[in-house]
């Protein structure tokens, strides 16, 4: 049996092309390092897409670690149950990205997304 906190395939976008409609029509919420794009889910289940480019973190190991931080924040947040399509875009920053700040910022963005979806 899968864990209730898991990150199942149904909560993921399948490729970058799959979350292009969300980027085009969603509501954008911003923090210093991240942009969260929110749209009502087309399948009734919340899905997450993450885009972290080389300008944000040149090393693939760092990019993958940051994606893992984003997925973990989503996995543990109640917004996972709201039926939203969410896309996280990283903004280029100076210096090395701080995963703890990213987790905190994404939590705040997800809280704002939950409030936006209810109104």
N, C-alpha and C. Protein backbone atom coordinates (compact mmCIF):
# COMPACT_ATOMS: atom_id res chain seq x y z
N UNK A 1 0.85 -1.19 0.00
CA UNK A 1 0.00 0.00 0.00
C UNK A 1 0.88 1.24 0.00
N UNK A 2 0.53 2.21 -0.80
CA UNK A 2 1.31 3.44 -0.92
C UNK A 2 1.08 4.33 0.30
N UNK A 3 2.09 5.10 0.64
CA UNK A 3 2.01 6.04 1.74
C UNK A 3 1.06 7.18 1.39
N UNK A 4 0.24 7.67 2.35
CA UNK A 4 -0.65 8.79 2.05
C UNK A 4 0.13 10.07 1.76
N UNK A 5 1.40 10.14 2.16
CA UNK A 5 2.22 11.31 1.90
C UNK A 5 3.05 11.14 0.64
N UNK A 6 2.85 10.10 -0.12
CA UNK A 6 3.69 9.81 -1.27
C UNK A 6 3.54 10.82 -2.40
N UNK A 7 4.37 10.66 -3.40
CA UNK A 7 4.33 11.52 -4.58
C UNK A 7 4.09 10.61 -5.78
N UNK A 8 2.85 10.19 -5.94
CA UNK A 8 2.48 9.22 -6.96
C UNK A 8 2.54 9.84 -8.35
N UNK A 9 2.53 8.99 -9.36
CA UNK A 9 2.59 9.47 -10.75
C UNK A 9 1.41 10.37 -11.09
N UNK A 10 0.28 10.16 -10.49
CA UNK A 10 -0.89 10.99 -10.81
C UNK A 10 -0.71 12.43 -10.35
N UNK A 11 0.25 12.67 -9.44
CA UNK A 11 0.53 14.03 -8.96
C UNK A 11 1.64 14.70 -9.76
N UNK A 12 2.08 14.10 -10.85
CA UNK A 12 3.18 14.64 -11.65
C UNK A 12 2.70 14.98 -13.05
N UNK A 13 3.31 15.99 -13.64
CA UNK A 13 3.11 16.26 -15.05
C UNK A 13 4.04 15.34 -15.83
N UNK A 14 3.61 14.93 -16.98
CA UNK A 14 4.42 14.08 -17.83
C UNK A 14 5.13 14.92 -18.89
N UNK A 15 6.27 15.42 -18.58
CA UNK A 15 7.04 16.22 -19.52
C UNK A 15 6.68 17.69 -19.48
N UNK A 16 7.59 18.49 -20.00
CA UNK A 16 7.42 19.95 -19.98
C UNK A 16 6.22 20.40 -20.81
N UNK A 17 5.91 19.69 -21.90
CA UNK A 17 4.78 20.07 -22.74
C UNK A 17 3.45 19.94 -21.98
N UNK A 18 3.40 19.04 -21.02
CA UNK A 18 2.15 18.82 -20.29
C UNK A 18 1.79 20.00 -19.40
N UNK A 19 2.79 20.73 -18.89
CA UNK A 19 2.41 21.86 -18.04
C UNK A 19 2.46 23.20 -18.76
N UNK A 20 2.65 23.20 -20.07
CA UNK A 20 2.61 24.44 -20.85
C UNK A 20 1.25 25.15 -20.76
N UNK A 21 0.10 24.43 -20.80
CA UNK A 21 -1.18 25.13 -20.66
C UNK A 21 -1.34 25.84 -19.30
N UNK A 22 -0.78 25.28 -18.26
CA UNK A 22 -0.85 25.92 -16.94
C UNK A 22 -0.04 27.20 -16.95
N UNK A 23 1.14 27.15 -17.56
CA UNK A 23 1.99 28.35 -17.64
C UNK A 23 1.28 29.44 -18.41
N UNK A 24 0.56 29.07 -19.46
CA UNK A 24 -0.12 30.07 -20.28
C UNK A 24 -1.35 30.69 -19.64
N UNK A 25 -2.05 29.95 -18.80
CA UNK A 25 -3.33 30.47 -18.30
C UNK A 25 -3.44 30.57 -16.79
N UNK A 26 -2.42 30.16 -16.04
CA UNK A 26 -2.53 30.13 -14.59
C UNK A 26 -2.28 31.47 -13.92
N UNK A 27 -2.61 31.51 -12.63
CA UNK A 27 -2.35 32.68 -11.79
C UNK A 27 -0.93 32.57 -11.24
N UNK A 28 -0.16 33.64 -11.33
CA UNK A 28 1.23 33.62 -10.90
C UNK A 28 1.37 34.22 -9.50
N UNK A 29 2.08 33.50 -8.66
CA UNK A 29 2.41 33.95 -7.31
C UNK A 29 3.93 33.98 -7.20
N UNK A 30 4.49 35.05 -6.63
CA UNK A 30 5.93 35.23 -6.64
C UNK A 30 6.52 35.29 -5.24
N UNK A 31 7.74 34.78 -5.13
CA UNK A 31 8.59 35.01 -3.97
C UNK A 31 9.92 35.51 -4.53
N UNK A 32 10.91 35.69 -3.67
CA UNK A 32 12.20 36.20 -4.13
C UNK A 32 12.86 35.26 -5.14
N UNK A 33 12.79 33.95 -4.92
CA UNK A 33 13.50 32.99 -5.75
C UNK A 33 12.61 32.13 -6.63
N UNK A 34 11.30 32.09 -6.33
CA UNK A 34 10.41 31.15 -7.02
C UNK A 34 9.17 31.85 -7.55
N UNK A 35 8.63 31.29 -8.60
CA UNK A 35 7.31 31.68 -9.11
C UNK A 35 6.45 30.42 -9.11
N UNK A 36 5.27 30.51 -8.53
CA UNK A 36 4.32 29.41 -8.52
C UNK A 36 3.15 29.79 -9.41
N UNK A 37 2.87 28.94 -10.39
CA UNK A 37 1.74 29.17 -11.29
C UNK A 37 0.65 28.18 -10.92
N UNK A 38 -0.55 28.70 -10.68
CA UNK A 38 -1.66 27.89 -10.17
C UNK A 38 -2.83 27.94 -11.15
N UNK A 39 -3.41 26.78 -11.42
CA UNK A 39 -4.60 26.68 -12.25
C UNK A 39 -5.46 25.54 -11.72
N UNK A 40 -6.76 25.58 -11.93
CA UNK A 40 -7.59 24.44 -11.53
C UNK A 40 -7.15 23.18 -12.27
N UNK A 41 -7.13 22.07 -11.57
CA UNK A 41 -6.67 20.81 -12.17
C UNK A 41 -7.68 20.31 -13.19
N UNK A 42 -7.16 19.86 -14.29
CA UNK A 42 -8.03 19.32 -15.33
C UNK A 42 -8.47 17.90 -15.02
N UNK A 43 -7.73 17.21 -14.15
CA UNK A 43 -8.04 15.81 -13.82
C UNK A 43 -8.61 15.64 -12.41
N UNK A 44 -8.79 16.74 -11.67
CA UNK A 44 -9.34 16.66 -10.33
C UNK A 44 -8.33 16.31 -9.26
N UNK A 45 -7.10 16.02 -9.64
CA UNK A 45 -6.04 15.68 -8.69
C UNK A 45 -4.93 16.71 -8.86
N UNK A 46 -4.39 17.20 -7.75
CA UNK A 46 -3.30 18.17 -7.83
C UNK A 46 -2.09 17.55 -8.51
N UNK A 47 -1.47 18.34 -9.40
CA UNK A 47 -0.25 17.89 -10.07
C UNK A 47 0.80 18.98 -9.94
N UNK A 48 2.06 18.55 -9.94
CA UNK A 48 3.18 19.46 -9.76
C UNK A 48 4.15 19.34 -10.92
N UNK A 49 4.57 20.48 -11.45
CA UNK A 49 5.65 20.55 -12.43
C UNK A 49 6.72 21.47 -11.90
N UNK A 50 7.98 21.13 -12.14
CA UNK A 50 9.10 21.91 -11.62
C UNK A 50 10.05 22.21 -12.78
N UNK A 51 10.45 23.47 -12.90
CA UNK A 51 11.42 23.87 -13.91
C UNK A 51 12.52 24.68 -13.24
N UNK A 52 13.72 24.10 -13.21
CA UNK A 52 14.90 24.76 -12.64
C UNK A 52 15.99 24.69 -13.70
N UNK A 53 16.30 25.83 -14.29
CA UNK A 53 17.25 25.87 -15.39
C UNK A 53 18.70 25.97 -14.95
N UNK A 54 19.58 25.92 -15.93
CA UNK A 54 21.02 25.98 -15.65
C UNK A 54 21.46 27.33 -15.13
N UNK A 55 20.71 28.38 -15.45
CA UNK A 55 21.08 29.70 -14.92
C UNK A 55 20.88 29.76 -13.41
N UNK A 56 19.97 28.97 -12.89
CA UNK A 56 19.72 28.94 -11.45
C UNK A 56 20.82 28.15 -10.75
N UNK A 57 21.13 26.97 -11.28
CA UNK A 57 22.15 26.09 -10.69
C UNK A 57 22.85 25.37 -11.84
N UNK A 58 24.07 25.75 -12.15
CA UNK A 58 24.78 25.13 -13.28
C UNK A 58 24.99 23.62 -13.14
N UNK A 59 25.15 23.14 -11.92
CA UNK A 59 25.41 21.71 -11.72
C UNK A 59 24.10 20.94 -11.63
N UNK A 60 24.02 19.85 -12.37
CA UNK A 60 22.79 19.05 -12.39
C UNK A 60 22.49 18.45 -11.02
N UNK A 61 23.50 18.14 -10.24
CA UNK A 61 23.25 17.58 -8.91
C UNK A 61 22.53 18.57 -8.02
N UNK A 62 22.90 19.84 -8.14
CA UNK A 62 22.24 20.89 -7.34
C UNK A 62 20.81 21.08 -7.83
N UNK A 63 20.61 21.12 -9.16
CA UNK A 63 19.25 21.26 -9.70
C UNK A 63 18.36 20.12 -9.24
N UNK A 64 18.87 18.89 -9.31
CA UNK A 64 18.07 17.74 -8.89
C UNK A 64 17.76 17.79 -7.40
N UNK A 65 18.71 18.24 -6.60
CA UNK A 65 18.46 18.37 -5.16
C UNK A 65 17.36 19.41 -4.90
N UNK A 66 17.42 20.53 -5.62
CA UNK A 66 16.40 21.57 -5.44
C UNK A 66 15.03 21.07 -5.87
N UNK A 67 14.98 20.29 -6.95
CA UNK A 67 13.71 19.70 -7.37
C UNK A 67 13.18 18.76 -6.29
N UNK A 68 14.06 18.01 -5.66
CA UNK A 68 13.65 17.11 -4.59
C UNK A 68 13.07 17.90 -3.41
N UNK A 69 13.69 19.04 -3.10
CA UNK A 69 13.18 19.90 -2.02
C UNK A 69 11.78 20.40 -2.37
N UNK A 70 11.57 20.81 -3.62
CA UNK A 70 10.26 21.30 -4.05
C UNK A 70 9.22 20.19 -3.98
N UNK A 71 9.56 19.00 -4.48
CA UNK A 71 8.62 17.87 -4.44
C UNK A 71 8.27 17.50 -3.00
N UNK A 72 9.25 17.51 -2.12
CA UNK A 72 9.00 17.16 -0.72
C UNK A 72 8.08 18.19 -0.06
N UNK A 73 8.30 19.46 -0.35
CA UNK A 73 7.42 20.50 0.21
C UNK A 73 5.98 20.31 -0.27
N UNK A 74 5.81 20.04 -1.56
CA UNK A 74 4.48 19.80 -2.12
C UNK A 74 3.85 18.55 -1.50
N UNK A 75 4.64 17.50 -1.37
CA UNK A 75 4.15 16.22 -0.87
C UNK A 75 3.57 16.35 0.53
N UNK A 76 4.16 17.20 1.34
CA UNK A 76 3.73 17.35 2.73
C UNK A 76 2.71 18.47 2.95
N UNK A 77 2.40 19.22 1.92
CA UNK A 77 1.52 20.38 2.08
C UNK A 77 0.07 20.00 1.78
N UNK A 78 -0.89 20.56 2.52
CA UNK A 78 -2.31 20.26 2.27
C UNK A 78 -2.79 20.67 0.88
N UNK A 79 -2.08 21.57 0.20
CA UNK A 79 -2.49 21.98 -1.16
C UNK A 79 -2.49 20.80 -2.11
N UNK A 80 -1.80 19.74 -1.75
CA UNK A 80 -1.78 18.53 -2.58
C UNK A 80 -3.19 17.96 -2.75
N UNK A 81 -4.08 18.25 -1.82
CA UNK A 81 -5.42 17.68 -1.83
C UNK A 81 -6.48 18.61 -2.44
N UNK A 82 -6.07 19.79 -2.93
CA UNK A 82 -7.04 20.79 -3.39
C UNK A 82 -7.43 20.67 -4.85
N UNK A 83 -6.80 19.82 -5.62
CA UNK A 83 -7.15 19.70 -7.03
C UNK A 83 -6.65 20.86 -7.86
N UNK A 84 -5.37 21.19 -7.70
CA UNK A 84 -4.76 22.29 -8.44
C UNK A 84 -3.62 21.78 -9.30
N UNK A 85 -3.44 22.40 -10.45
CA UNK A 85 -2.23 22.18 -11.24
C UNK A 85 -1.24 23.27 -10.84
N UNK A 86 -0.06 22.86 -10.40
CA UNK A 86 0.94 23.79 -9.89
C UNK A 86 2.23 23.62 -10.68
N UNK A 87 2.82 24.73 -11.08
CA UNK A 87 4.11 24.71 -11.75
C UNK A 87 5.03 25.66 -10.99
N UNK A 88 6.19 25.16 -10.60
CA UNK A 88 7.18 25.95 -9.89
C UNK A 88 8.30 26.30 -10.87
N UNK A 89 8.56 27.60 -11.01
CA UNK A 89 9.64 28.08 -11.85
C UNK A 89 10.66 28.76 -10.95
N UNK A 90 11.92 28.42 -11.13
CA UNK A 90 12.98 29.04 -10.34
C UNK A 90 13.51 30.27 -11.07
N UNK A 91 13.76 31.31 -10.31
CA UNK A 91 14.33 32.52 -10.88
C UNK A 91 15.85 32.48 -10.71
N UNK A 92 16.57 32.98 -11.70
CA UNK A 92 18.02 33.06 -11.54
C UNK A 92 18.38 33.98 -10.37
N UNK A 93 19.30 33.54 -9.55
CA UNK A 93 19.73 34.32 -8.38
C UNK A 93 21.24 34.36 -8.34
N UNK A 94 21.78 35.28 -7.58
CA UNK A 94 23.22 35.36 -7.39
C UNK A 94 23.60 34.47 -6.22
N UNK A 95 24.67 33.74 -6.38
CA UNK A 95 25.12 32.86 -5.31
C UNK A 95 24.44 31.51 -5.37
N UNK A 96 24.71 30.70 -4.37
CA UNK A 96 24.18 29.34 -4.30
C UNK A 96 22.77 29.35 -3.70
N UNK A 97 21.82 28.66 -4.32
CA UNK A 97 20.45 28.60 -3.77
C UNK A 97 20.44 27.89 -2.41
N UNK A 98 19.63 28.39 -1.49
CA UNK A 98 19.51 27.79 -0.16
C UNK A 98 18.25 26.93 -0.11
N UNK A 99 18.39 25.60 0.02
CA UNK A 99 17.22 24.71 0.01
C UNK A 99 16.23 24.99 1.14
N UNK A 100 16.72 25.38 2.31
CA UNK A 100 15.80 25.66 3.42
C UNK A 100 14.95 26.89 3.14
N UNK A 101 15.56 27.92 2.55
CA UNK A 101 14.79 29.10 2.18
C UNK A 101 13.78 28.77 1.08
N UNK A 102 14.18 27.91 0.14
CA UNK A 102 13.26 27.49 -0.92
C UNK A 102 12.07 26.75 -0.33
N UNK A 103 12.32 25.85 0.60
CA UNK A 103 11.23 25.08 1.21
C UNK A 103 10.26 26.01 1.94
N UNK A 104 10.81 26.96 2.67
CA UNK A 104 9.97 27.92 3.40
C UNK A 104 9.18 28.79 2.42
N UNK A 105 9.86 29.30 1.38
CA UNK A 105 9.19 30.16 0.39
C UNK A 105 8.10 29.39 -0.35
N UNK A 106 8.37 28.14 -0.71
CA UNK A 106 7.36 27.35 -1.42
C UNK A 106 6.17 27.06 -0.51
N UNK A 107 6.42 26.79 0.77
CA UNK A 107 5.32 26.59 1.71
C UNK A 107 4.41 27.81 1.77
N UNK A 108 5.01 29.00 1.80
CA UNK A 108 4.22 30.23 1.82
C UNK A 108 3.46 30.41 0.51
N UNK A 109 4.09 30.11 -0.62
CA UNK A 109 3.40 30.21 -1.91
C UNK A 109 2.25 29.21 -2.00
N UNK A 110 2.45 28.01 -1.49
CA UNK A 110 1.37 27.01 -1.49
C UNK A 110 0.22 27.44 -0.60
N UNK A 111 0.52 28.08 0.53
CA UNK A 111 -0.53 28.63 1.40
C UNK A 111 -1.34 29.69 0.64
N UNK A 112 -0.63 30.56 -0.07
CA UNK A 112 -1.31 31.60 -0.85
C UNK A 112 -2.14 30.97 -1.96
N UNK A 113 -1.61 29.92 -2.60
CA UNK A 113 -2.35 29.25 -3.66
C UNK A 113 -3.64 28.63 -3.12
N UNK A 114 -3.57 28.07 -1.92
CA UNK A 114 -4.76 27.48 -1.31
C UNK A 114 -5.81 28.55 -1.06
N UNK A 115 -5.38 29.73 -0.59
CA UNK A 115 -6.32 30.82 -0.35
C UNK A 115 -6.93 31.33 -1.66
N UNK A 116 -6.10 31.41 -2.71
CA UNK A 116 -6.59 31.88 -4.02
C UNK A 116 -7.60 30.90 -4.58
N UNK A 117 -7.34 29.60 -4.42
CA UNK A 117 -8.24 28.60 -5.00
C UNK A 117 -9.59 28.55 -4.30
N UNK A 118 -9.63 28.95 -3.04
CA UNK A 118 -10.88 28.92 -2.28
C UNK A 118 -11.76 30.11 -2.60
N UNK A 119 -11.14 31.20 -3.07
CA UNK A 119 -11.94 32.41 -3.34
C UNK A 119 -12.46 32.47 -4.74
